[in-house]
Amino acid sequence: MISHCPIFQSAALPYRVAPDGSTEVLLVSTTSAHRWSIPKGAIELGHTFASSAAKEAFEEAGVIGDISPSAAGHYRAIKRTQYGGQALLEVWVHLMRVTRELDEWPEKGRRDLRWCRAATAAAQLDEPVVADLCWRLAA
């Protein structure tokens, strides 16, 4: 059974402008299903949605940058819990222009990272709202 009260999460959509002027998006693999996604996670006490998104980008992908204080979009998803149940998530997505890529970060080795053109990223992502944001970055 799924609770009707969502668990709020925030996500970062890390991007950069390539030398040829195209926009690239950084995708991270999920730890369980090994699908392409973006950094996201729970909003910790004392953090805003934006600062939580930036923290997730650092922890999962080792990137730092300028995070938008306002969400560019949001979506709802159902996630399986570790106890066999399901949880309703509401994820708020913040754009993040990457200014620095680190050599070491907390989840290095647990996830694969992939920079790709924004249009390619849109085709790789399962969540329509995030794919649409990638298409908008590509335009």
C-alpha atoms as a PDB file:
ATOM      1  CA  MET A   1       0.000   0.000   0.000  1.00  0.00           C
ATOM      2  CA  ILE A   2       1.226   3.477  -0.873  1.00  0.00           C
ATOM      3  CA  SER A   3       0.826   6.425   1.449  1.00  0.00           C
ATOM      4  CA  HIS A   4      -0.916   9.435  -0.094  1.00  0.00           C
ATOM      5  CA  CYS A   5       1.544  11.759   1.659  1.00  0.00           C
ATOM      6  CA  PRO A   6       4.616  12.116  -0.531  1.00  0.00           C
ATOM      7  CA  ILE A   7       8.176  12.062   0.687  1.00  0.00           C
ATOM      8  CA  PHE A   8       9.860  15.190  -0.638  1.00  0.00           C
ATOM      9  CA  GLN A   9      13.210  14.901  -2.396  1.00  0.00           C
ATOM     10  CA  SER A  10      15.306  17.286  -4.415  1.00  0.00           C
ATOM     11  CA  ALA A  11      17.416  16.596  -7.478  1.00  0.00           C
ATOM     12  CA  ALA A  12      20.130  18.375  -9.411  1.00  0.00           C
ATOM     13  CA  LEU A  13      20.254  18.384 -13.194  1.00  0.00           C
ATOM     14  CA  PRO A  14      23.992  19.037 -13.691  1.00  0.00           C
ATOM     15  CA  TYR A  15      24.932  20.590 -17.030  1.00  0.00           C
ATOM     16  CA  ARG A  16      27.816  22.352 -18.765  1.00  0.00           C
ATOM     17  CA  VAL A  17      28.399  24.098 -22.063  1.00  0.00           C
ATOM     18  CA  ALA A  18      30.841  22.189 -24.277  1.00  0.00           C
ATOM     19  CA  PRO A  19      33.528  23.963 -26.327  1.00  0.00           C
ATOM     20  CA  ASP A  20      31.361  23.609 -29.457  1.00  0.00           C
ATOM     21  CA  GLY A  21      28.517  25.486 -27.710  1.00  0.00           C
ATOM     22  CA  SER A  22      26.284  22.452 -27.144  1.00  0.00           C
ATOM     23  CA  THR A  23      24.857  21.733 -23.712  1.00  0.00           C
ATOM     24  CA  GLU A  24      25.898  18.523 -21.984  1.00  0.00           C
ATOM     25  CA  VAL A  25      24.143  16.849 -19.048  1.00  0.00           C
ATOM     26  CA  LEU A  26      25.771  14.629 -16.436  1.00  0.00           C
ATOM     27  CA  LEU A  27      23.922  11.366 -15.868  1.00  0.00           C
ATOM     28  CA  VAL A  28      24.531   9.022 -12.939  1.00  0.00           C
ATOM     29  CA  SER A  29      23.605   5.366 -12.714  1.00  0.00           C
ATOM     30  CA  THR A  30      21.238   4.270  -9.995  1.00  0.00           C
ATOM     31  CA  THR A  31      22.719   1.902  -7.432  1.00  0.00           C
ATOM     32  CA  SER A  32      19.926  -0.666  -7.645  1.00  0.00           C
ATOM     33  CA  ALA A  33      18.577  -0.900 -11.202  1.00  0.00           C
ATOM     34  CA  HIS A  34      21.629   0.580 -12.963  1.00  0.00           C
ATOM     35  CA  ARG A  35      19.463   2.955 -14.983  1.00  0.00           C
ATOM     36  CA  TRP A  36      20.550   6.458 -15.959  1.00  0.00           C
ATOM     37  CA  SER A  37      19.235   9.149 -13.678  1.00  0.00           C
ATOM     38  CA  ILE A  38      20.259  12.425 -12.055  1.00  0.00           C
ATOM     39  CA  PRO A  39      21.512  13.000  -8.501  1.00  0.00           C
ATOM     40  CA  LYS A  40      18.625  13.127  -6.034  1.00  0.00           C
ATOM     41  CA  GLY A  41      17.799  12.380  -2.447  1.00  0.00           C
ATOM     42  CA  ALA A  42      16.030  13.309   0.742  1.00  0.00           C
ATOM     43  CA  ILE A  43      15.979  16.857   1.988  1.00  0.00           C
ATOM     44  CA  GLU A  44      18.000  16.962   5.169  1.00  0.00           C
ATOM     45  CA  LEU A  45      17.067  19.017   8.198  1.00  0.00           C
ATOM     46  CA  GLY A  46      18.429  22.553   7.909  1.00  0.00           C
ATOM     47  CA  HIS A  47      18.800  22.381   4.111  1.00  0.00           C
ATOM     48  CA  THR A  48      16.710  24.021   1.417  1.00  0.00           C
ATOM     49  CA  PHE A  49      15.545  22.041  -1.594  1.00  0.00           C
ATOM     50  CA  ALA A  50      18.312  23.692  -3.657  1.00  0.00           C
ATOM     51  CA  SER A  51      21.110  23.087  -1.132  1.00  0.00           C
ATOM     52  CA  SER A  52      20.011  19.465  -0.772  1.00  0.00           C
ATOM     53  CA  ALA A  53      20.138  19.055  -4.564  1.00  0.00           C
ATOM     54  CA  ALA A  54      23.659  20.520  -4.641  1.00  0.00           C
ATOM     55  CA  LYS A  55      24.702  18.164  -1.822  1.00  0.00           C
ATOM     56  CA  GLU A  56      23.384  15.153  -3.766  1.00  0.00           C
ATOM     57  CA  ALA A  57      25.299  16.245  -6.896  1.00  0.00           C
ATOM     58  CA  PHE A  58      28.493  16.408  -4.836  1.00  0.00           C
ATOM     59  CA  GLU A  59      27.921  13.065  -3.072  1.00  0.00           C
ATOM     60  CA  GLU A  60      26.747  11.058  -6.093  1.00  0.00           C
ATOM     61  CA  ALA A  61      28.705  12.638  -8.950  1.00  0.00           C
ATOM     62  CA  GLY A  62      31.525  14.712  -7.476  1.00  0.00           C
ATOM     63  CA  VAL A  63      30.412  17.957  -9.099  1.00  0.00           C
ATOM     64  CA  ILE A  64      30.067  21.465  -7.693  1.00  0.00           C
ATOM     65  CA  GLY A  65      28.367  24.388  -9.365  1.00  0.00           C
ATOM     66  CA  ASP A  66      25.801  27.142  -9.447  1.00  0.00           C
ATOM     67  CA  ILE A  67      22.440  25.704  -8.409  1.00  0.00           C
ATOM     68  CA  SER A  68      19.192  27.423  -9.268  1.00  0.00           C
ATOM     69  CA  PRO A  69      17.384  28.481  -6.066  1.00  0.00           C
ATOM     70  CA  SER A  70      14.028  27.718  -7.717  1.00  0.00           C
ATOM     71  CA  ALA A  71      13.060  24.322  -9.081  1.00  0.00           C
ATOM     72  CA  ALA A  72      12.794  24.042 -12.856  1.00  0.00           C
ATOM     73  CA  GLY A  73      10.229  21.253 -12.526  1.00  0.00           C
ATOM     74  CA  HIS A  74       8.936  18.482 -10.312  1.00  0.00           C
ATOM     75  CA  TYR A  75       7.459  15.016 -10.627  1.00  0.00           C
ATOM     76  CA  ARG A  76       6.005  12.201  -8.574  1.00  0.00           C
ATOM     77  CA  ALA A  77       7.324   8.660  -8.607  1.00  0.00           C
ATOM     78  CA  ILE A  78       6.812   5.431  -6.725  1.00  0.00           C
ATOM     79  CA  LYS A  79       9.849   3.822  -5.127  1.00  0.00           C
ATOM     80  CA  ARG A  80      10.156   0.391  -3.596  1.00  0.00           C
ATOM     81  CA  THR A  81      11.299   0.505   0.016  1.00  0.00           C
ATOM     82  CA  GLN A  82      13.867  -1.783   1.609  1.00  0.00           C
ATOM     83  CA  TYR A  83      11.027  -3.500   3.479  1.00  0.00           C
ATOM     84  CA  GLY A  84       9.110  -4.526   0.343  1.00  0.00           C
ATOM     85  CA  GLY A  85       6.583  -1.690   0.422  1.00  0.00           C
ATOM     86  CA  GLN A  86       6.209   1.342  -1.784  1.00  0.00           C
ATOM     87  CA  ALA A  87       6.643   5.054  -1.132  1.00  0.00           C
ATOM     88  CA  LEU A  88       5.321   8.035  -3.059  1.00  0.00           C
ATOM     89  CA  LEU A  89       8.098  10.525  -3.819  1.00  0.00           C
ATOM     90  CA  GLU A  90       7.740  14.126  -4.945  1.00  0.00           C
ATOM     91  CA  VAL A  91      11.017  15.216  -6.530  1.00  0.00           C
ATOM     92  CA  TRP A  92      11.859  18.883  -7.168  1.00  0.00           C
ATOM     93  CA  VAL A  93      14.515  19.336  -9.874  1.00  0.00           C
ATOM     94  CA  HIS A  94      17.029  22.202  -9.790  1.00  0.00           C
ATOM     95  CA  LEU A  95      19.304  23.115 -12.685  1.00  0.00           C
ATOM     96  CA  MET A  96      22.987  23.153 -11.763  1.00  0.00           C
ATOM     97  CA  ARG A  97      25.660  24.669 -13.999  1.00  0.00           C
ATOM     98  CA  VAL A  98      28.772  22.650 -13.135  1.00  0.00           C
ATOM     99  CA  THR A  99      31.851  24.740 -12.388  1.00  0.00           C
ATOM    100  CA  ARG A 100      34.089  22.059 -10.911  1.00  0.00           C
ATOM    101  CA  GLU A 101      34.554  18.278 -11.185  1.00  0.00           C
ATOM    102  CA  LEU A 102      36.295  16.602  -8.257  1.00  0.00           C
ATOM    103  CA  ASP A 103      38.733  13.688  -8.345  1.00  0.00           C
ATOM    104  CA  GLU A 104      37.251  12.160  -5.176  1.00  0.00           C
ATOM    105  CA  TRP A 105      33.713  12.173  -3.743  1.00  0.00           C
ATOM    106  CA  PRO A 106      31.660  10.093  -1.282  1.00  0.00           C
ATOM    107  CA  GLU A 107      29.985   7.689  -3.754  1.00  0.00           C
ATOM    108  CA  LYS A 108      32.841   7.353  -6.255  1.00  0.00           C
ATOM    109  CA  GLY A 109      32.931   3.772  -7.499  1.00  0.00           C
ATOM    110  CA  ARG A 110      29.287   3.065  -6.565  1.00  0.00           C
ATOM    111  CA  ARG A 111      27.844   4.774  -9.649  1.00  0.00           C
ATOM    112  CA  ASP A 112      28.802   5.265 -13.266  1.00  0.00           C
ATOM    113  CA  LEU A 113      28.924   8.827 -14.622  1.00  0.00           C
ATOM    114  CA  ARG A 114      28.309   9.923 -18.191  1.00  0.00           C
ATOM    115  CA  TRP A 115      28.452  13.369 -19.783  1.00  0.00           C
ATOM    116  CA  CYS A 116      26.336  13.492 -22.932  1.00  0.00           C
ATOM    117  CA  ARG A 117      24.567  16.032 -25.096  1.00  0.00           C
ATOM    118  CA  ALA A 118      21.319  17.195 -23.525  1.00  0.00           C
ATOM    119  CA  ALA A 119      19.208  15.678 -26.328  1.00  0.00           C
ATOM    120  CA  THR A 120      20.927  12.310 -25.848  1.00  0.00           C
ATOM    121  CA  ALA A 121      20.352  12.535 -22.097  1.00  0.00           C
ATOM    122  CA  ALA A 122      16.650  13.189 -22.697  1.00  0.00           C
ATOM    123  CA  ALA A 123      16.389   9.892 -24.572  1.00  0.00           C
ATOM    124  CA  GLN A 124      18.228   8.020 -21.777  1.00  0.00           C
ATOM    125  CA  LEU A 125      16.007   9.162 -18.899  1.00  0.00           C
ATOM    126  CA  ASP A 126      12.800   7.424 -17.828  1.00  0.00           C
ATOM    127  CA  GLU A 127      11.214  10.439 -16.140  1.00  0.00           C
ATOM    128  CA  PRO A 128       9.363  12.655 -18.696  1.00  0.00           C
ATOM    129  CA  VAL A 129       9.749  15.872 -16.667  1.00  0.00           C
ATOM    130  CA  VAL A 130      13.541  15.469 -16.468  1.00  0.00           C
ATOM    131  CA  ALA A 131      13.724  14.488 -20.148  1.00  0.00           C
ATOM    132  CA  ASP A 132      11.743  17.635 -21.027  1.00  0.00           C
ATOM    133  CA  LEU A 133      14.188  19.767 -19.016  1.00  0.00           C
ATOM    134  CA  CYS A 134      17.033  18.192 -21.015  1.00  0.00           C
ATOM    135  CA  TRP A 135      15.262  19.028 -24.282  1.00  0.00           C
ATOM    136  CA  ARG A 136      14.874  22.628 -23.084  1.00  0.00           C
ATOM    137  CA  LEU A 137      18.603  22.788 -22.255  1.00  0.00           C
ATOM    138  CA  ALA A 138      19.401  21.439 -25.715  1.00  0.00           C
ATOM    139  CA  ALA A 139      17.340  24.154 -27.435  1.00  0.00           C
END
